[in-house]
Amino acid sequence: SRPHRQWDYPNGWAPHQMMIWKGLINYGFVEELQELIYRWL
């Protein structure tokens, strides 16, 4: 009676990743940026 919702765990979405990468660039989080991009790609 309470099924999965597609924008929640465990799913991941392209717009979220792209915005997060840009945000990490804005604040200089280089290592975190490279790891998150690598995991997604």
PDB file of all heavy atoms in Angstrom:
ATOM      1  N   SER A   1       0.819  -1.222   0.000  1.00  0.00           N
ATOM      2  CA  SER A   1       0.000   0.000   0.000  1.00  0.00           C
ATOM      3  C   SER A   1       0.848   1.266   0.000  1.00  0.00           C
ATOM      4  O   SER A   1       0.324   2.373  -0.121  1.00  0.00           O
ATOM      5  CB  SER A   1      -0.921   0.005   1.228  1.00  0.00           C
ATOM      6  OG  SER A   1      -0.137  -0.013   2.413  1.00  0.00           O
ATOM      7  N   ARG A   2       2.166   1.108   0.137  1.00  0.00           N
ATOM      8  CA  ARG A   2       3.069   2.266   0.104  1.00  0.00           C
ATOM      9  C   ARG A   2       4.236   1.911  -0.830  1.00  0.00           C
ATOM     10  O   ARG A   2       5.327   1.581  -0.390  1.00  0.00           O
ATOM     11  CB  ARG A   2       3.571   2.593   1.518  1.00  0.00           C
ATOM     12  CG  ARG A   2       4.268   3.956   1.618  1.00  0.00           C
ATOM     13  CD  ARG A   2       4.693   4.241   3.067  1.00  0.00           C
ATOM     14  NE  ARG A   2       5.295   5.564   3.181  1.00  0.00           N
ATOM     15  CZ  ARG A   2       6.586   5.813   2.955  1.00  0.00           C
ATOM     16  NH1 ARG A   2       7.408   4.825   2.592  1.00  0.00           N
ATOM     17  NH2 ARG A   2       7.063   7.040   3.072  1.00  0.00           N
ATOM     18  N   PRO A   3       3.998   2.003  -2.145  1.00  0.00           N
ATOM     19  CA  PRO A   3       4.976   1.505  -3.123  1.00  0.00           C
ATOM     20  C   PRO A   3       6.163   2.435  -3.304  1.00  0.00           C
ATOM     21  O   PRO A   3       6.197   3.551  -2.789  1.00  0.00           O
ATOM     22  CB  PRO A   3       4.156   1.411  -4.409  1.00  0.00           C
ATOM     23  CG  PRO A   3       3.090   2.454  -4.242  1.00  0.00           C
ATOM     24  CD  PRO A   3       2.767   2.493  -2.779  1.00  0.00           C
ATOM     25  N   HIS A   4       7.149   1.954  -4.066  1.00  0.00           N
ATOM     26  CA  HIS A   4       8.315   2.760  -4.423  1.00  0.00           C
ATOM     27  C   HIS A   4       7.885   4.042  -5.118  1.00  0.00           C
ATOM     28  O   HIS A   4       6.936   4.050  -5.911  1.00  0.00           O
ATOM     29  CB  HIS A   4       9.233   1.988  -5.385  1.00  0.00           C
ATOM     30  CG  HIS A   4      10.116   0.989  -4.707  1.00  0.00           C
ATOM     31  ND1 HIS A   4      11.266   1.345  -4.038  1.00  0.00           N
ATOM     32  CD2 HIS A   4      10.023  -0.358  -4.605  1.00  0.00           C
ATOM     33  CE1 HIS A   4      11.851   0.258  -3.550  1.00  0.00           C
ATOM     34  NE2 HIS A   4      11.115  -0.798  -3.873  1.00  0.00           N
ATOM     35  N   ARG A   5       8.602   5.121  -4.865  1.00  0.00           N
ATOM     36  CA  ARG A   5       8.476   6.370  -5.618  1.00  0.00           C
ATOM     37  C   ARG A   5       9.790   6.585  -6.355  1.00  0.00           C
ATOM     38  O   ARG A   5      10.872   6.501  -5.762  1.00  0.00           O
ATOM     39  CB  ARG A   5       8.171   7.539  -4.676  1.00  0.00           C
ATOM     40  CG  ARG A   5       6.810   7.432  -3.984  1.00  0.00           C
ATOM     41  CD  ARG A   5       5.692   7.617  -4.989  1.00  0.00           C
ATOM     42  NE  ARG A   5       4.360   7.588  -4.409  1.00  0.00           N
ATOM     43  CZ  ARG A   5       3.428   6.707  -4.713  1.00  0.00           C
ATOM     44  NH1 ARG A   5       3.690   5.729  -5.574  1.00  0.00           N
ATOM     45  NH2 ARG A   5       2.224   6.768  -4.180  1.00  0.00           N
ATOM     46  N   GLN A   6       9.696   6.910  -7.642  1.00  0.00           N
ATOM     47  CA  GLN A   6      10.882   6.800  -8.489  1.00  0.00           C
ATOM     48  C   GLN A   6      11.968   7.845  -8.193  1.00  0.00           C
ATOM     49  O   GLN A   6      13.133   7.624  -8.527  1.00  0.00           O
ATOM     50  CB  GLN A   6      10.493   6.837  -9.966  1.00  0.00           C
ATOM     51  CG  GLN A   6       9.848   8.121 -10.440  1.00  0.00           C
ATOM     52  CD  GLN A   6       9.645   8.137 -11.958  1.00  0.00           C
ATOM     53  OE1 GLN A   6      10.040   7.217 -12.660  1.00  0.00           O
ATOM     54  NE2 GLN A   6       9.045   9.208 -12.460  1.00  0.00           N
ATOM     55  N   TRP A   7      11.638   8.959  -7.553  1.00  0.00           N
ATOM     56  CA  TRP A   7      12.668   9.970  -7.252  1.00  0.00           C
ATOM     57  C   TRP A   7      13.331   9.747  -5.884  1.00  0.00           C
ATOM     58  O   TRP A   7      14.129  10.570  -5.441  1.00  0.00           O
ATOM     59  CB  TRP A   7      12.079  11.378  -7.354  1.00  0.00           C
ATOM     60  CG  TRP A   7      11.981  11.825  -8.785  1.00  0.00           C
ATOM     61  CD1 TRP A   7      10.962  11.589  -9.655  1.00  0.00           C
ATOM     62  CD2 TRP A   7      12.963  12.557  -9.525  1.00  0.00           C
ATOM     63  NE1 TRP A   7      11.247  12.129 -10.889  1.00  0.00           N
ATOM     64  CE2 TRP A   7      12.459  12.727 -10.841  1.00  0.00           C
ATOM     65  CE3 TRP A   7      14.216  13.084  -9.216  1.00  0.00           C
ATOM     66  CZ2 TRP A   7      13.169  13.405 -11.838  1.00  0.00           C
ATOM     67  CZ3 TRP A   7      14.923  13.760 -10.203  1.00  0.00           C
ATOM     68  CH2 TRP A   7      14.400  13.916 -11.497  1.00  0.00           C
ATOM     69  N   ASP A   8      12.991   8.645  -5.229  1.00  0.00           N
ATOM     70  CA  ASP A   8      13.552   8.344  -3.911  1.00  0.00           C
ATOM     71  C   ASP A   8      14.590   7.222  -3.993  1.00  0.00           C
ATOM     72  O   ASP A   8      14.782   6.616  -5.052  1.00  0.00           O
ATOM     73  CB  ASP A   8      12.428   7.929  -2.948  1.00  0.00           C
ATOM     74  CG  ASP A   8      11.447   9.051  -2.660  1.00  0.00           C
ATOM     75  OD1 ASP A   8      11.809  10.225  -2.880  1.00  0.00           O
ATOM     76  OD2 ASP A   8      10.310   8.752  -2.225  1.00  0.00           O
ATOM     77  N   TYR A   9      15.240   6.966  -2.866  1.00  0.00           N
ATOM     78  CA  TYR A   9      16.128   5.811  -2.703  1.00  0.00           C
ATOM     79  C   TYR A   9      15.429   4.563  -3.247  1.00  0.00           C
ATOM     80  O   TYR A   9      14.247   4.374  -2.992  1.00  0.00           O
ATOM     81  CB  TYR A   9      16.427   5.640  -1.203  1.00  0.00           C
ATOM     82  CG  TYR A   9      17.299   4.470  -0.843  1.00  0.00           C
ATOM     83  CD1 TYR A   9      18.665   4.615  -0.691  1.00  0.00           C
ATOM     84  CD2 TYR A   9      16.739   3.191  -0.669  1.00  0.00           C
ATOM     85  CE1 TYR A   9      19.459   3.522  -0.351  1.00  0.00           C
ATOM     86  CE2 TYR A   9      17.532   2.105  -0.344  1.00  0.00           C
ATOM     87  CZ  TYR A   9      18.892   2.278  -0.186  1.00  0.00           C
ATOM     88  OH  TYR A   9      19.685   1.210   0.133  1.00  0.00           O
ATOM     89  N   PRO A  10      16.097   3.698  -4.012  1.00  0.00           N
ATOM     90  CA  PRO A  10      17.537   3.674  -4.297  1.00  0.00           C
ATOM     91  C   PRO A  10      17.931   4.314  -5.632  1.00  0.00           C
ATOM     92  O   PRO A  10      19.025   4.067  -6.126  1.00  0.00           O
ATOM     93  CB  PRO A  10      17.804   2.165  -4.348  1.00  0.00           C
ATOM     94  CG  PRO A  10      16.550   1.604  -4.977  1.00  0.00           C
ATOM     95  CD  PRO A  10      15.418   2.462  -4.471  1.00  0.00           C
ATOM     96  N   ASN A  11      17.014   5.100  -6.215  1.00  0.00           N
ATOM     97  CA  ASN A  11      17.266   5.613  -7.563  1.00  0.00           C
ATOM     98  C   ASN A  11      18.100   6.890  -7.553  1.00  0.00           C
ATOM     99  O   ASN A  11      18.066   7.672  -6.591  1.00  0.00           O
ATOM    100  CB  ASN A  11      15.944   5.866  -8.286  1.00  0.00           C
ATOM    101  CG  ASN A  11      15.142   4.593  -8.477  1.00  0.00           C
ATOM    102  OD1 ASN A  11      15.705   3.500  -8.450  1.00  0.00           O
ATOM    103  ND2 ASN A  11      13.840   4.719  -8.658  1.00  0.00           N
ATOM    104  N   GLY A  12      18.810   7.095  -8.641  1.00  0.00           N
ATOM    105  CA  GLY A  12      19.583   8.315  -8.833  1.00  0.00           C
ATOM    106  C   GLY A  12      19.270   8.909 -10.196  1.00  0.00           C
ATOM    107  O   GLY A  12      18.965   8.179 -11.151  1.00  0.00           O
ATOM    108  N   TRP A  13      19.367  10.230 -10.277  1.00  0.00           N
ATOM    109  CA  TRP A  13      18.902  10.946 -11.471  1.00  0.00           C
ATOM    110  C   TRP A  13      19.965  11.902 -12.009  1.00  0.00           C
ATOM    111  O   TRP A  13      20.674  12.565 -11.243  1.00  0.00           O
ATOM    112  CB  TRP A  13      17.634  11.722 -11.129  1.00  0.00           C
ATOM    113  CG  TRP A  13      16.470  10.826 -10.872  1.00  0.00           C
ATOM    114  CD1 TRP A  13      16.208  10.119  -9.735  1.00  0.00           C
ATOM    115  CD2 TRP A  13      15.420  10.502 -11.786  1.00  0.00           C
ATOM    116  NE1 TRP A  13      15.051   9.389  -9.882  1.00  0.00           N
ATOM    117  CE2 TRP A  13      14.534   9.606 -11.135  1.00  0.00           C
ATOM    118  CE3 TRP A  13      15.115  10.906 -13.095  1.00  0.00           C
ATOM    119  CZ2 TRP A  13      13.386   9.093 -11.739  1.00  0.00           C
ATOM    120  CZ3 TRP A  13      13.969  10.391 -13.695  1.00  0.00           C
ATOM    121  CH2 TRP A  13      13.127   9.499 -13.033  1.00  0.00           C
ATOM    122  N   ALA A  14      19.991  12.022 -13.338  1.00  0.00           N
ATOM    123  CA  ALA A  14      20.992  12.860 -14.004  1.00  0.00           C
ATOM    124  C   ALA A  14      20.963  14.325 -13.554  1.00  0.00           C
ATOM    125  O   ALA A  14      22.022  14.901 -13.280  1.00  0.00           O
ATOM    126  CB  ALA A  14      20.827  12.766 -15.522  1.00  0.00           C
ATOM    127  N   PRO A  15      19.800  14.991 -13.468  1.00  0.00           N
ATOM    128  CA  PRO A  15      19.839  16.409 -13.096  1.00  0.00           C
ATOM    129  C   PRO A  15      20.428  16.647 -11.710  1.00  0.00           C
ATOM    130  O   PRO A  15      21.129  17.637 -11.493  1.00  0.00           O
ATOM    131  CB  PRO A  15      18.375  16.861 -13.174  1.00  0.00           C
ATOM    132  CG  PRO A  15      17.574  15.616 -13.137  1.00  0.00           C
ATOM    133  CD  PRO A  15      18.425  14.555 -13.771  1.00  0.00           C
ATOM    134  N   HIS A  16      20.146  15.745 -10.783  1.00  0.00           N
ATOM    135  CA  HIS A  16      20.746  15.869  -9.444  1.00  0.00           C
ATOM    136  C   HIS A  16      22.265  15.780  -9.527  1.00  0.00           C
ATOM    137  O   HIS A  16      22.981  16.608  -8.954  1.00  0.00           O
ATOM    138  CB  HIS A  16      20.226  14.770  -8.516  1.00  0.00           C
ATOM    139  CG  HIS A  16      18.819  14.965  -8.074  1.00  0.00           C
ATOM    140  ND1 HIS A  16      18.094  13.976  -7.457  1.00  0.00           N
ATOM    141  CD2 HIS A  16      17.990  16.041  -8.142  1.00  0.00           C
ATOM    142  CE1 HIS A  16      16.885  14.418  -7.165  1.00  0.00           C
ATOM    143  NE2 HIS A  16      16.798  15.665  -7.582  1.00  0.00           N
ATOM    144  N   GLN A  17      22.761  14.762 -10.252  1.00  0.00           N
ATOM    145  CA  GLN A  17      24.222  14.597 -10.327  1.00  0.00           C
ATOM    146  C   GLN A  17      24.866  15.832 -10.954  1.00  0.00           C
ATOM    147  O   GLN A  17      25.865  16.350 -10.452  1.00  0.00           O
ATOM    148  CB  GLN A  17      24.599  13.356 -11.152  1.00  0.00           C
ATOM    149  CG  GLN A  17      23.771  12.107 -10.922  1.00  0.00           C
ATOM    150  CD  GLN A  17      23.748  11.583  -9.501  1.00  0.00           C
ATOM    151  OE1 GLN A  17      24.782  11.494  -8.844  1.00  0.00           O
ATOM    152  NE2 GLN A  17      22.560  11.213  -9.024  1.00  0.00           N
ATOM    153  N   MET A  18      24.290  16.317 -12.060  1.00  0.00           N
ATOM    154  CA  MET A  18      24.887  17.447 -12.787  1.00  0.00           C
ATOM    155  C   MET A  18      24.923  18.709 -11.936  1.00  0.00           C
ATOM    156  O   MET A  18      25.907  19.458 -11.932  1.00  0.00           O
ATOM    157  CB  MET A  18      24.128  17.687 -14.095  1.00  0.00           C
ATOM    158  CG  MET A  18      24.287  16.537 -15.092  1.00  0.00           C
ATOM    159  SD  MET A  18      23.167  16.646 -16.513  1.00  0.00           S
ATOM    160  CE  MET A  18      23.988  17.914 -17.492  1.00  0.00           C
ATOM    161  N   MET A  19      23.856  18.947 -11.184  1.00  0.00           N
ATOM    162  CA  MET A  19      23.827  20.121 -10.312  1.00  0.00           C
ATOM    163  C   MET A  19      24.822  19.974  -9.158  1.00  0.00           C
ATOM    164  O   MET A  19      25.495  20.935  -8.775  1.00  0.00           O
ATOM    165  CB  MET A  19      22.413  20.348  -9.774  1.00  0.00           C
ATOM    166  CG  MET A  19      21.426  20.810 -10.832  1.00  0.00           C
ATOM    167  SD  MET A  19      19.768  21.104 -10.169  1.00  0.00           S
ATOM    168  CE  MET A  19      20.013  22.664  -9.300  1.00  0.00           C
ATOM    169  N   ILE A  20      24.912  18.762  -8.623  1.00  0.00           N
ATOM    170  CA  ILE A  20      25.855  18.523  -7.521  1.00  0.00           C
ATOM    171  C   ILE A  20      27.291  18.713  -7.999  1.00  0.00           C
ATOM    172  O   ILE A  20      28.107  19.346  -7.317  1.00  0.00           O
ATOM    173  CB  ILE A  20      25.635  17.122  -6.926  1.00  0.00           C
ATOM    174  CG1 ILE A  20      24.291  17.084  -6.177  1.00  0.00           C
ATOM    175  CG2 ILE A  20      26.770  16.735  -5.985  1.00  0.00           C
ATOM    176  CD1 ILE A  20      23.790  15.682  -5.855  1.00  0.00           C
ATOM    177  N   TRP A  21      27.627  18.198  -9.194  1.00  0.00           N
ATOM    178  CA  TRP A  21      28.987  18.376  -9.722  1.00  0.00           C
ATOM    179  C   TRP A  21      29.325  19.855  -9.857  1.00  0.00           C
ATOM    180  O   TRP A  21      30.387  20.290  -9.450  1.00  0.00           O
ATOM    181  CB  TRP A  21      29.122  17.699 -11.087  1.00  0.00           C
ATOM    182  CG  TRP A  21      28.863  16.228 -11.095  1.00  0.00           C
ATOM    183  CD1 TRP A  21      28.866  15.369 -10.022  1.00  0.00           C
ATOM    184  CD2 TRP A  21      28.537  15.430 -12.241  1.00  0.00           C
ATOM    185  NE1 TRP A  21      28.567  14.092 -10.429  1.00  0.00           N
ATOM    186  CE2 TRP A  21      28.370  14.091 -11.778  1.00  0.00           C
ATOM    187  CE3 TRP A  21      28.382  15.693 -13.598  1.00  0.00           C
ATOM    188  CZ2 TRP A  21      28.040  13.042 -12.653  1.00  0.00           C
ATOM    189  CZ3 TRP A  21      28.059  14.649 -14.461  1.00  0.00           C
ATOM    190  CH2 TRP A  21      27.899  13.348 -13.987  1.00  0.00           C
ATOM    191  N   LYS A  22      28.384  20.620 -10.412  1.00  0.00           N
ATOM    192  CA  LYS A  22      28.632  22.060 -10.579  1.00  0.00           C
ATOM    193  C   LYS A  22      28.793  22.728  -9.220  1.00  0.00           C
ATOM    194  O   LYS A  22      29.655  23.605  -9.041  1.00  0.00           O
ATOM    195  CB  LYS A  22      27.459  22.693 -11.342  1.00  0.00           C
ATOM    196  CG  LYS A  22      27.616  24.190 -11.641  1.00  0.00           C
ATOM    197  CD  LYS A  22      28.670  24.440 -12.703  1.00  0.00           C
ATOM    198  CE  LYS A  22      28.599  25.842 -13.266  1.00  0.00           C
ATOM    199  NZ  LYS A  22      28.856  26.907 -12.301  1.00  0.00           N
ATOM    200  N   GLY A  23      28.005  22.304  -8.249  1.00  0.00           N
ATOM    201  CA  GLY A  23      28.119  22.865  -6.902  1.00  0.00           C
ATOM    202  C   GLY A  23      29.464  22.567  -6.272  1.00  0.00           C
ATOM    203  O   GLY A  23      30.070  23.436  -5.619  1.00  0.00           O
ATOM    204  N   LEU A  24      29.961  21.347  -6.462  1.00  0.00           N
ATOM    205  CA  LEU A  24      31.280  20.990  -5.916  1.00  0.00           C
ATOM    206  C   LEU A  24      32.385  21.793  -6.591  1.00  0.00           C
ATOM    207  O   LEU A  24      33.352  22.199  -5.940  1.00  0.00           O
ATOM    208  CB  LEU A  24      31.520  19.485  -6.081  1.00  0.00           C
ATOM    209  CG  LEU A  24      30.602  18.570  -5.251  1.00  0.00           C
ATOM    210  CD1 LEU A  24      30.807  17.107  -5.631  1.00  0.00           C
ATOM    211  CD2 LEU A  24      30.833  18.767  -3.752  1.00  0.00           C
ATOM    212  N   ILE A  25      32.235  22.051  -7.892  1.00  0.00           N
ATOM    213  CA  ILE A  25      33.197  22.916  -8.595  1.00  0.00           C
ATOM    214  C   ILE A  25      33.179  24.314  -7.997  1.00  0.00           C
ATOM    215  O   ILE A  25      34.225  24.914  -7.730  1.00  0.00           O
ATOM    216  CB  ILE A  25      32.866  22.980 -10.112  1.00  0.00           C
ATOM    217  CG1 ILE A  25      33.128  21.633 -10.777  1.00  0.00           C
ATOM    218  CG2 ILE A  25      33.686  24.076 -10.805  1.00  0.00           C
ATOM    219  CD1 ILE A  25      32.560  21.518 -12.189  1.00  0.00           C
ATOM    220  N   ASN A  26      31.971  24.838  -7.765  1.00  0.00           N
ATOM    221  CA  ASN A  26      31.833  26.207  -7.238  1.00  0.00           C
ATOM    222  C   ASN A  26      32.585  26.405  -5.928  1.00  0.00           C
ATOM    223  O   ASN A  26      33.090  27.494  -5.648  1.00  0.00           O
ATOM    224  CB  ASN A  26      30.351  26.552  -7.022  1.00  0.00           C
ATOM    225  CG  ASN A  26      29.595  26.750  -8.318  1.00  0.00           C
ATOM    226  OD1 ASN A  26      30.194  26.933  -9.377  1.00  0.00           O
ATOM    227  ND2 ASN A  26      28.277  26.703  -8.253  1.00  0.00           N
ATOM    228  N   TYR A  27      32.643  25.349  -5.113  1.00  0.00           N
ATOM    229  CA  TYR A  27      33.246  25.484  -3.782  1.00  0.00           C
ATOM    230  C   TYR A  27      34.580  24.759  -3.643  1.00  0.00           C
ATOM    231  O   TYR A  27      35.114  24.640  -2.541  1.00  0.00           O
ATOM    232  CB  TYR A  27      32.255  25.003  -2.717  1.00  0.00           C
ATOM    233  CG  TYR A  27      31.086  25.956  -2.542  1.00  0.00           C
ATOM    234  CD1 TYR A  27      29.960  25.868  -3.355  1.00  0.00           C
ATOM    235  CD2 TYR A  27      31.120  26.970  -1.578  1.00  0.00           C
ATOM    236  CE1 TYR A  27      28.888  26.749  -3.211  1.00  0.00           C
ATOM    237  CE2 TYR A  27      30.062  27.845  -1.415  1.00  0.00           C
ATOM    238  CZ  TYR A  27      28.944  27.735  -2.241  1.00  0.00           C
ATOM    239  OH  TYR A  27      27.901  28.614  -2.090  1.00  0.00           O
ATOM    240  N   GLY A  28      35.110  24.257  -4.765  1.00  0.00           N
ATOM    241  CA  GLY A  28      36.469  23.719  -4.765  1.00  0.00           C
ATOM    242  C   GLY A  28      36.639  22.325  -4.180  1.00  0.00           C
ATOM    243  O   GLY A  28      37.734  21.973  -3.741  1.00  0.00           O
ATOM    244  N   PHE A  29      35.580  21.509  -4.201  1.00  0.00           N
ATOM    245  CA  PHE A  29      35.688  20.130  -3.680  1.00  0.00           C
ATOM    246  C   PHE A  29      36.122  19.192  -4.812  1.00  0.00           C
ATOM    247  O   PHE A  29      35.307  18.460  -5.381  1.00  0.00           O
ATOM    248  CB  PHE A  29      34.356  19.691  -3.077  1.00  0.00           C
ATOM    249  CG  PHE A  29      33.986  20.422  -1.813  1.00  0.00           C
ATOM    250  CD1 PHE A  29      33.114  21.501  -1.839  1.00  0.00           C
ATOM    251  CD2 PHE A  29      34.535  20.032  -0.595  1.00  0.00           C
ATOM    252  CE1 PHE A  29      32.778  22.175  -0.677  1.00  0.00           C
ATOM    253  CE2 PHE A  29      34.201  20.703   0.577  1.00  0.00           C
ATOM    254  CZ  PHE A  29      33.325  21.794   0.543  1.00  0.00           C
ATOM    255  N   VAL A  30      37.389  19.222  -5.140  1.00  0.00           N
ATOM    256  CA  VAL A  30      37.902  18.533  -6.335  1.00  0.00           C
ATOM    257  C   VAL A  30      37.840  17.019  -6.188  1.00  0.00           C
ATOM    258  O   VAL A  30      37.372  16.308  -7.094  1.00  0.00           O
ATOM    259  CB  VAL A  30      39.356  18.986  -6.632  1.00  0.00           C
ATOM    260  CG1 VAL A  30      39.910  18.218  -7.829  1.00  0.00           C
ATOM    261  CG2 VAL A  30      39.405  20.483  -6.877  1.00  0.00           C
ATOM    262  N   GLU A  31      38.324  16.490  -5.069  1.00  0.00           N
ATOM    263  CA  GLU A  31      38.366  15.029  -4.894  1.00  0.00           C
ATOM    264  C   GLU A  31      36.958  14.440  -4.874  1.00  0.00           C
ATOM    265  O   GLU A  31      36.688  13.404  -5.500  1.00  0.00           O
ATOM    266  CB  GLU A  31      39.107  14.676  -3.601  1.00  0.00           C
ATOM    267  CG  GLU A  31      40.607  14.945  -3.676  1.00  0.00           C
ATOM    268  CD  GLU A  31      41.302  14.640  -2.346  1.00  0.00           C
ATOM    269  OE1 GLU A  31      40.681  13.984  -1.480  1.00  0.00           O
ATOM    270  OE2 GLU A  31      42.459  15.057  -2.194  1.00  0.00           O
ATOM    271  N   GLU A  32      36.061  15.088  -4.157  1.00  0.00           N
ATOM    272  CA  GLU A  32      34.678  14.610  -4.085  1.00  0.00           C
ATOM    273  C   GLU A  32      34.025  14.654  -5.473  1.00  0.00           C
ATOM    274  O   GLU A  32      33.281  13.734  -5.846  1.00  0.00           O
ATOM    275  CB  GLU A  32      33.870  15.472  -3.104  1.00  0.00           C
ATOM    276  CG  GLU A  32      34.289  15.330  -1.654  1.00  0.00           C
ATOM    277  CD  GLU A  32      35.467  16.221  -1.252  1.00  0.00           C
ATOM    278  OE1 GLU A  32      36.084  16.869  -2.144  1.00  0.00           O
ATOM    279  OE2 GLU A  32      35.774  16.265  -0.051  1.00  0.00           O
ATOM    280  N   LEU A  33      34.329  15.712  -6.216  1.00  0.00           N
ATOM    281  CA  LEU A  33      33.802  15.857  -7.577  1.00  0.00           C
ATOM    282  C   LEU A  33      34.226  14.690  -8.448  1.00  0.00           C
ATOM    283  O   LEU A  33      33.393  14.042  -9.107  1.00  0.00           O
ATOM    284  CB  LEU A  33      34.303  17.174  -8.186  1.00  0.00           C
ATOM    285  CG  LEU A  33      34.045  17.362  -9.688  1.00  0.00           C
ATOM    286  CD1 LEU A  33      32.573  17.626  -9.941  1.00  0.00           C
ATOM    287  CD2 LEU A  33      34.895  18.504 -10.247  1.00  0.00           C
ATOM    288  N   GLN A  34      35.517  14.387  -8.466  1.00  0.00           N
ATOM    289  CA  GLN A  34      36.026  13.320  -9.330  1.00  0.00           C
ATOM    290  C   GLN A  34      35.422  11.969  -8.949  1.00  0.00           C
ATOM    291  O   GLN A  34      35.065  11.166  -9.814  1.00  0.00           O
ATOM    292  CB  GLN A  34      37.557  13.273  -9.254  1.00  0.00           C
ATOM    293  CG  GLN A  34      38.257  14.484  -9.874  1.00  0.00           C
ATOM    294  CD  GLN A  34      37.997  14.617 -11.370  1.00  0.00           C
ATOM    295  OE1 GLN A  34      38.153  13.668 -12.129  1.00  0.00           O
ATOM    296  NE2 GLN A  34      37.596  15.801 -11.801  1.00  0.00           N
ATOM    297  N   GLU A  35      35.282  11.734  -7.656  1.00  0.00           N
ATOM    298  CA  GLU A  35      34.705  10.455  -7.226  1.00  0.00           C
ATOM    299  C   GLU A  35      33.253  10.314  -7.659  1.00  0.00           C
ATOM    300  O   GLU A  35      32.846   9.273  -8.189  1.00  0.00           O
ATOM    301  CB  GLU A  35      34.803  10.294  -5.703  1.00  0.00           C
ATOM    302  CG  GLU A  35      34.153   8.992  -5.243  1.00  0.00           C
ATOM    303  CD  GLU A  35      34.167   8.777  -3.732  1.00  0.00           C
ATOM    304  OE1 GLU A  35      34.856   9.532  -3.014  1.00  0.00           O
ATOM    305  OE2 GLU A  35      33.468   7.844  -3.281  1.00  0.00           O
ATOM    306  N   LEU A  36      32.457  11.360  -7.444  1.00  0.00           N
ATOM    307  CA  LEU A  36      31.039  11.269  -7.797  1.00  0.00           C
ATOM    308  C   LEU A  36      30.834  11.125  -9.301  1.00  0.00           C
ATOM    309  O   LEU A  36      29.968  10.366  -9.752  1.00  0.00           O
ATOM    310  CB  LEU A  36      30.276  12.484  -7.269  1.00  0.00           C
ATOM    311  CG  LEU A  36      30.105  12.571  -5.751  1.00  0.00           C
ATOM    312  CD1 LEU A  36      29.210  13.739  -5.384  1.00  0.00           C
ATOM    313  CD2 LEU A  36      29.543  11.272  -5.170  1.00  0.00           C
ATOM    314  N   ILE A  37      31.626  11.859 -10.085  1.00  0.00           N
ATOM    315  CA  ILE A  37      31.524  11.720 -11.546  1.00  0.00           C
ATOM    316  C   ILE A  37      31.896  10.300 -11.953  1.00  0.00           C
ATOM    317  O   ILE A  37      31.200   9.668 -12.757  1.00  0.00           O
ATOM    318  CB  ILE A  37      32.427  12.734 -12.275  1.00  0.00           C
ATOM    319  CG1 ILE A  37      31.942  14.162 -12.035  1.00  0.00           C
ATOM    320  CG2 ILE A  37      32.466  12.446 -13.779  1.00  0.00           C
ATOM    321  CD1 ILE A  37      32.883  15.222 -12.568  1.00  0.00           C
ATOM    322  N   TYR A  38      33.000   9.799 -11.389  1.00  0.00           N
ATOM    323  CA  TYR A  38      33.453   8.458 -11.772  1.00  0.00           C
ATOM    324  C   TYR A  38      32.378   7.421 -11.450  1.00  0.00           C
ATOM    325  O   TYR A  38      32.080   6.537 -12.270  1.00  0.00           O
ATOM    326  CB  TYR A  38      34.762   8.090 -11.060  1.00  0.00           C
ATOM    327  CG  TYR A  38      35.349   6.792 -11.593  1.00  0.00           C
ATOM    328  CD1 TYR A  38      36.232   6.804 -12.671  1.00  0.00           C
ATOM    329  CD2 TYR A  38      34.992   5.568 -11.049  1.00  0.00           C
ATOM    330  CE1 TYR A  38      36.741   5.625 -13.182  1.00  0.00           C
ATOM    331  CE2 TYR A  38      35.495   4.382 -11.551  1.00  0.00           C
ATOM    332  CZ  TYR A  38      36.373   4.406 -12.625  1.00  0.00           C
ATOM    333  OH  TYR A  38      36.859   3.239 -13.141  1.00  0.00           O
ATOM    334  N   ARG A  39      31.812   7.512 -10.252  1.00  0.00           N
ATOM    335  CA  ARG A  39      30.794   6.532  -9.862  1.00  0.00           C
ATOM    336  C   ARG A  39      29.618   6.539 -10.839  1.00  0.00           C
ATOM    337  O   ARG A  39      29.129   5.493 -11.272  1.00  0.00           O
ATOM    338  CB  ARG A  39      30.295   6.818  -8.438  1.00  0.00           C
ATOM    339  CG  ARG A  39      31.305   6.464  -7.365  1.00  0.00           C
ATOM    340  CD  ARG A  39      30.772   6.699  -5.953  1.00  0.00           C
ATOM    341  NE  ARG A  39      31.751   6.293  -4.962  1.00  0.00           N
ATOM    342  CZ  ARG A  39      31.967   5.028  -4.579  1.00  0.00           C
ATOM    343  NH1 ARG A  39      31.236   4.052  -5.102  1.00  0.00           N
ATOM    344  NH2 ARG A  39      32.886   4.746  -3.685  1.00  0.00           N
ATOM    345  N   TRP A  40      29.154   7.721 -11.209  1.00  0.00           N
ATOM    346  CA  TRP A  40      28.008   7.848 -12.128  1.00  0.00           C
ATOM    347  C   TRP A  40      28.357   7.334 -13.526  1.00  0.00           C
ATOM    348  O   TRP A  40      27.607   6.550 -14.119  1.00  0.00           O
ATOM    349  CB  TRP A  40      27.577   9.305 -12.170  1.00  0.00           C
ATOM    350  CG  TRP A  40      26.361   9.597 -12.999  1.00  0.00           C
ATOM    351  CD1 TRP A  40      26.328  10.203 -14.221  1.00  0.00           C
ATOM    352  CD2 TRP A  40      24.995   9.326 -12.659  1.00  0.00           C
ATOM    353  NE1 TRP A  40      25.042  10.324 -14.664  1.00  0.00           N
ATOM    354  CE2 TRP A  40      24.197   9.794 -13.718  1.00  0.00           C
ATOM    355  CE3 TRP A  40      24.373   8.728 -11.555  1.00  0.00           C
ATOM    356  CZ2 TRP A  40      22.803   9.689 -13.724  1.00  0.00           C
ATOM    357  CZ3 TRP A  40      22.989   8.612 -11.562  1.00  0.00           C
ATOM    358  CH2 TRP A  40      22.218   9.089 -12.634  1.00  0.00           C
ATOM    359  N   LEU A  41      29.496   7.749 -14.044  1.00  0.00           N
ATOM    360  CA  LEU A  41      29.881   7.338 -15.399  1.00  0.00           C
ATOM    361  C   LEU A  41      30.227   5.855 -15.452  1.00  0.00           C
ATOM    362  O   LEU A  41      29.972   5.197 -16.470  1.00  0.00           O
ATOM    363  CB  LEU A  41      31.057   8.172 -15.922  1.00  0.00           C
ATOM    364  CG  LEU A  41      30.820   9.674 -16.107  1.00  0.00           C
ATOM    365  CD1 LEU A  41      31.957  10.294 -16.907  1.00  0.00           C
ATOM    366  CD2 LEU A  41      29.490   9.965 -16.785  1.00  0.00           C
TER     367      LEU A  41
END
